[in-house]
C-alpha cells in the first residue's frame, strides 16, 4: 500500500502540479498587491463616490447597500493576469520542451499486397494444422508458392 502511494507521489504529474500550485499562489499574491495598490485607486477615481469607489448604491439612505464594482473588476484582471503568466511562463515552455524531448514514434508503413497475401496463406496453413513446408513449394522463377 505504501509503495503504491510512493509511486503516485513520485509521478512527474503530481510533482509538476505541486510546483505549479505553489508558484501560482506566490504569483497571485504579487498580482493581488498590484491590483489593490494600483488598479483599485484608479477605479475609485472613476467612481462617483470617493468614500466607496467604483460602484452604485441600491438604497441611497443605507451605506451598507453599496455594490462595489471596482473589486470585482480588479479580481477579474487579477485572474486573467495570473492565468496568462502561468500559461506563458510554465505551460507553453513545458509543452515545447516535452515535444522536443519526446521520442519520435515509428510510423509503420502499410503492408504490401504480397505481405498481406503471405500472412493470409500462413494463417490458413496454421488453421489447417499442416506446416507451410508440407503445403507449399516455391517455384524457382519468381518465388511464387505452388501446391504439392
C-alpha atoms as a PDB file:
ATOM      1  CA  UNK A   1       0.000   0.000   0.000  1.00  0.00           C
ATOM      2  CA  UNK A   2       2.775   2.463   0.870  1.00  0.00           C
ATOM      3  CA  UNK A   3       4.712   1.522  -2.268  1.00  0.00           C
ATOM      4  CA  UNK A   4       1.730   2.452  -4.421  1.00  0.00           C
ATOM      5  CA  UNK A   5       1.384   5.753  -2.580  1.00  0.00           C
ATOM      6  CA  UNK A   6       5.097   6.442  -3.065  1.00  0.00           C
ATOM      7  CA  UNK A   7       4.805   5.639  -6.787  1.00  0.00           C
ATOM      8  CA  UNK A   8       1.839   8.005  -7.022  1.00  0.00           C
ATOM      9  CA  UNK A   9       3.755  10.828  -5.340  1.00  0.00           C
ATOM     10  CA  UNK A  10       6.856  10.290  -7.456  1.00  0.00           C
ATOM     11  CA  UNK A  11       4.988  10.614 -10.741  1.00  0.00           C
ATOM     12  CA  UNK A  12       6.037  13.641 -12.708  1.00  0.00           C
ATOM     13  CA  UNK A  13       2.488  14.957 -12.961  1.00  0.00           C
ATOM     14  CA  UNK A  14       1.945  15.182  -9.209  1.00  0.00           C
ATOM     15  CA  UNK A  15       5.230  16.974  -8.598  1.00  0.00           C
ATOM     16  CA  UNK A  16       4.624  19.320 -11.536  1.00  0.00           C
ATOM     17  CA  UNK A  17       1.173  20.105 -10.203  1.00  0.00           C
ATOM     18  CA  UNK A  18       2.514  20.829  -6.714  1.00  0.00           C
ATOM     19  CA  UNK A  19       5.162  23.173  -8.118  1.00  0.00           C
ATOM     20  CA  UNK A  20       2.561  24.926 -10.276  1.00  0.00           C
ATOM     21  CA  UNK A  21       0.232  25.433  -7.303  1.00  0.00           C
ATOM     22  CA  UNK A  22       2.998  26.905  -5.136  1.00  0.00           C
ATOM     23  CA  UNK A  23       4.232  29.169  -7.921  1.00  0.00           C
ATOM     24  CA  UNK A  24       0.686  30.194  -8.803  1.00  0.00           C
ATOM     25  CA  UNK A  25      -0.060  31.070  -5.192  1.00  0.00           C
ATOM     26  CA  UNK A  26       3.102  33.122  -4.878  1.00  0.00           C
ATOM     27  CA  UNK A  27       2.428  34.940  -8.126  1.00  0.00           C
ATOM     28  CA  UNK A  28      -1.190  35.536  -7.155  1.00  0.00           C
ATOM     29  CA  UNK A  29      -0.002  37.441  -4.100  1.00  0.00           C
ATOM     30  CA  UNK A  30       2.137  39.683  -6.310  1.00  0.00           C
ATOM     31  CA  UNK A  31      -0.673  40.378  -8.777  1.00  0.00           C
ATOM     32  CA  UNK A  32      -3.174  40.954  -5.964  1.00  0.00           C
ATOM     33  CA  UNK A  33      -0.932  43.569  -4.352  1.00  0.00           C
ATOM     34  CA  UNK A  34      -0.509  45.316  -7.714  1.00  0.00           C
ATOM     35  CA  UNK A  35      -4.247  45.373  -8.362  1.00  0.00           C
ATOM     36  CA  UNK A  36      -5.049  46.613  -4.835  1.00  0.00           C
ATOM     37  CA  UNK A  37      -2.291  49.222  -4.833  1.00  0.00           C
ATOM     38  CA  UNK A  38      -2.602  50.468  -8.401  1.00  0.00           C
ATOM     39  CA  UNK A  39      -5.816  49.446 -10.138  1.00  0.00           C
ATOM     40  CA  UNK A  40      -8.334  49.881  -7.327  1.00  0.00           C
ATOM     41  CA  UNK A  41      -7.305  53.513  -6.677  1.00  0.00           C
ATOM     42  CA  UNK A  42      -7.595  54.185 -10.419  1.00  0.00           C
ATOM     43  CA  UNK A  43     -11.033  52.557 -10.479  1.00  0.00           C
ATOM     44  CA  UNK A  44     -12.035  54.603  -7.405  1.00  0.00           C
ATOM     45  CA  UNK A  45     -11.252  57.774  -9.359  1.00  0.00           C
ATOM     46  CA  UNK A  46     -13.833  56.683 -11.949  1.00  0.00           C
ATOM     47  CA  UNK A  47     -16.452  56.129  -9.253  1.00  0.00           C
ATOM     48  CA  UNK A  48     -18.772  58.966  -8.266  1.00  0.00           C
ATOM     49  CA  UNK A  49     -18.451  58.469  -4.510  1.00  0.00           C
ATOM     50  CA  UNK A  50     -14.913  58.988  -3.220  1.00  0.00           C
ATOM     51  CA  UNK A  51     -15.700  57.152   0.008  1.00  0.00           C
ATOM     52  CA  UNK A  52     -16.725  53.852  -1.560  1.00  0.00           C
ATOM     53  CA  UNK A  53     -15.054  53.827  -5.002  1.00  0.00           C
ATOM     54  CA  UNK A  54     -16.474  52.486  -8.253  1.00  0.00           C
ATOM     55  CA  UNK A  55     -19.943  51.060  -7.714  1.00  0.00           C
ATOM     56  CA  UNK A  56     -23.540  52.000  -7.087  1.00  0.00           C
ATOM     57  CA  UNK A  57     -25.852  52.424  -4.136  1.00  0.00           C
ATOM     58  CA  UNK A  58     -29.004  50.263  -4.060  1.00  0.00           C
ATOM     59  CA  UNK A  59     -30.726  52.333  -1.361  1.00  0.00           C
ATOM     60  CA  UNK A  60     -29.491  55.910  -1.154  1.00  0.00           C
ATOM     61  CA  UNK A  61     -30.008  56.270   2.604  1.00  0.00           C
ATOM     62  CA  UNK A  62     -28.231  52.991   3.581  1.00  0.00           C
ATOM     63  CA  UNK A  63     -24.453  52.808   3.013  1.00  0.00           C
ATOM     64  CA  UNK A  64     -24.495  49.034   3.614  1.00  0.00           C
ATOM     65  CA  UNK A  65     -26.292  48.567   0.287  1.00  0.00           C
ATOM     66  CA  UNK A  66     -23.354  49.846  -1.770  1.00  0.00           C
ATOM     67  CA  UNK A  67     -22.374  47.387  -4.531  1.00  0.00           C
ATOM     68  CA  UNK A  68     -18.657  47.729  -5.150  1.00  0.00           C
ATOM     69  CA  UNK A  69     -17.853  47.033  -8.789  1.00  0.00           C
ATOM     70  CA  UNK A  70     -14.182  48.040  -8.503  1.00  0.00           C
ATOM     71  CA  UNK A  71     -13.064  44.961  -6.529  1.00  0.00           C
ATOM     72  CA  UNK A  72     -14.925  42.696  -8.970  1.00  0.00           C
ATOM     73  CA  UNK A  73     -13.134  44.248 -11.950  1.00  0.00           C
ATOM     74  CA  UNK A  74      -9.886  44.053 -10.003  1.00  0.00           C
ATOM     75  CA  UNK A  75     -10.397  40.347  -9.269  1.00  0.00           C
ATOM     76  CA  UNK A  76     -11.120  39.623 -12.940  1.00  0.00           C
ATOM     77  CA  UNK A  77      -7.959  41.446 -14.014  1.00  0.00           C
ATOM     78  CA  UNK A  78      -6.094  39.580 -11.276  1.00  0.00           C
ATOM     79  CA  UNK A  79      -7.350  36.212 -12.566  1.00  0.00           C
ATOM     80  CA  UNK A  80      -6.528  36.955 -16.206  1.00  0.00           C
ATOM     81  CA  UNK A  81      -3.042  38.199 -15.305  1.00  0.00           C
ATOM     82  CA  UNK A  82      -2.243  35.108 -13.207  1.00  0.00           C
ATOM     83  CA  UNK A  83      -3.614  32.731 -15.849  1.00  0.00           C
ATOM     84  CA  UNK A  84      -1.661  34.455 -18.639  1.00  0.00           C
ATOM     85  CA  UNK A  85       1.630  34.429 -16.751  1.00  0.00           C
ATOM     86  CA  UNK A  86       1.236  30.787 -15.707  1.00  0.00           C
ATOM     87  CA  UNK A  87       0.395  29.799 -19.285  1.00  0.00           C
ATOM     88  CA  UNK A  88       3.226  31.718 -20.944  1.00  0.00           C
ATOM     89  CA  UNK A  89       5.864  31.071 -18.250  1.00  0.00           C
ATOM     90  CA  UNK A  90       5.072  27.464 -17.253  1.00  0.00           C
ATOM     91  CA  UNK A  91       2.720  25.653 -19.619  1.00  0.00           C
ATOM     92  CA  UNK A  92       3.915  26.849 -23.015  1.00  0.00           C
ATOM     93  CA  UNK A  93       7.656  26.242 -22.360  1.00  0.00           C
ATOM     94  CA  UNK A  94       6.930  22.830 -20.780  1.00  0.00           C
ATOM     95  CA  UNK A  95       4.831  21.742 -23.767  1.00  0.00           C
ATOM     96  CA  UNK A  96       7.567  22.923 -26.123  1.00  0.00           C
ATOM     97  CA  UNK A  97      10.216  21.088 -24.117  1.00  0.00           C
ATOM     98  CA  UNK A  98       8.146  17.887 -23.994  1.00  0.00           C
ATOM     99  CA  UNK A  99       7.618  17.968 -27.748  1.00  0.00           C
ATOM    100  CA  UNK A 100      11.345  18.422 -28.375  1.00  0.00           C
ATOM    101  CA  UNK A 101      12.357  15.667 -25.965  1.00  0.00           C
ATOM    102  CA  UNK A 102       9.640  13.196 -26.941  1.00  0.00           C
ATOM    103  CA  UNK A 103      10.832  10.075 -28.668  1.00  0.00           C
ATOM    104  CA  UNK A 104       9.688  10.006 -32.255  1.00  0.00           C
ATOM    105  CA  UNK A 105       7.203   7.249 -32.802  1.00  0.00           C
ATOM    106  CA  UNK A 106       7.897   4.973 -35.704  1.00  0.00           C
ATOM    107  CA  UNK A 107       5.204   5.082 -38.283  1.00  0.00           C
ATOM    108  CA  UNK A 108       4.813   1.588 -39.620  1.00  0.00           C
ATOM    109  CA  UNK A 109       4.194   1.529 -43.334  1.00  0.00           C
ATOM    110  CA  UNK A 110       1.104  -0.229 -44.596  1.00  0.00           C
ATOM    111  CA  UNK A 111       1.885  -3.784 -45.648  1.00  0.00           C
ATOM    112  CA  UNK A 112       2.096  -4.515 -49.341  1.00  0.00           C
ATOM    113  CA  UNK A 113      -0.336  -6.787 -51.127  1.00  0.00           C
ATOM    114  CA  UNK A 114       2.242  -9.568 -51.242  1.00  0.00           C
ATOM    115  CA  UNK A 115       2.846  -9.324 -47.471  1.00  0.00           C
ATOM    116  CA  UNK A 116      -0.889  -9.470 -46.759  1.00  0.00           C
ATOM    117  CA  UNK A 117      -1.339 -12.487 -49.012  1.00  0.00           C
ATOM    118  CA  UNK A 118       1.616 -14.203 -47.347  1.00  0.00           C
ATOM    119  CA  UNK A 119       0.070 -13.560 -43.927  1.00  0.00           C
ATOM    120  CA  UNK A 120      -3.267 -14.959 -45.060  1.00  0.00           C
ATOM    121  CA  UNK A 121      -1.558 -18.017 -46.512  1.00  0.00           C
ATOM    122  CA  UNK A 122       0.345 -18.657 -43.286  1.00  0.00           C
ATOM    123  CA  UNK A 123      -2.799 -18.255 -41.166  1.00  0.00           C
ATOM    124  CA  UNK A 124      -4.733 -20.669 -43.374  1.00  0.00           C
ATOM    125  CA  UNK A 125      -1.876 -23.164 -43.187  1.00  0.00           C
ATOM    126  CA  UNK A 126      -1.862 -22.965 -39.378  1.00  0.00           C
ATOM    127  CA  UNK A 127      -5.644 -23.376 -39.212  1.00  0.00           C
ATOM    128  CA  UNK A 128      -5.451 -26.457 -41.424  1.00  0.00           C
ATOM    129  CA  UNK A 129      -2.974 -27.968 -38.992  1.00  0.00           C
ATOM    130  CA  UNK A 130      -0.283 -28.526 -41.548  1.00  0.00           C
ATOM    131  CA  UNK A 131       3.008 -26.786 -41.706  1.00  0.00           C
ATOM    132  CA  UNK A 132       3.934 -24.448 -44.509  1.00  0.00           C
ATOM    133  CA  UNK A 133       6.596 -26.807 -45.790  1.00  0.00           C
ATOM    134  CA  UNK A 134       4.053 -29.616 -46.204  1.00  0.00           C
ATOM    135  CA  UNK A 135       1.592 -27.410 -48.028  1.00  0.00           C
ATOM    136  CA  UNK A 136       3.700 -25.191 -50.239  1.00  0.00           C
ATOM    137  CA  UNK A 137       6.654 -25.475 -52.530  1.00  0.00           C
ATOM    138  CA  UNK A 138       8.305 -22.414 -54.035  1.00  0.00           C
ATOM    139  CA  UNK A 139       8.991 -22.309 -57.756  1.00  0.00           C
ATOM    140  CA  UNK A 140      12.437 -21.043 -58.677  1.00  0.00           C
ATOM    141  CA  UNK A 141      11.339 -18.478 -61.235  1.00  0.00           C
ATOM    142  CA  UNK A 142       9.646 -15.720 -59.273  1.00  0.00           C
ATOM    143  CA  UNK A 143       9.276 -17.105 -55.730  1.00  0.00           C
ATOM    144  CA  UNK A 144       5.583 -17.912 -56.060  1.00  0.00           C
ATOM    145  CA  UNK A 145       4.281 -20.703 -53.894  1.00  0.00           C
ATOM    146  CA  UNK A 146       2.768 -23.763 -55.555  1.00  0.00           C
ATOM    147  CA  UNK A 147       0.770 -26.617 -54.073  1.00  0.00           C
ATOM    148  CA  UNK A 148       2.424 -30.035 -53.948  1.00  0.00           C
END
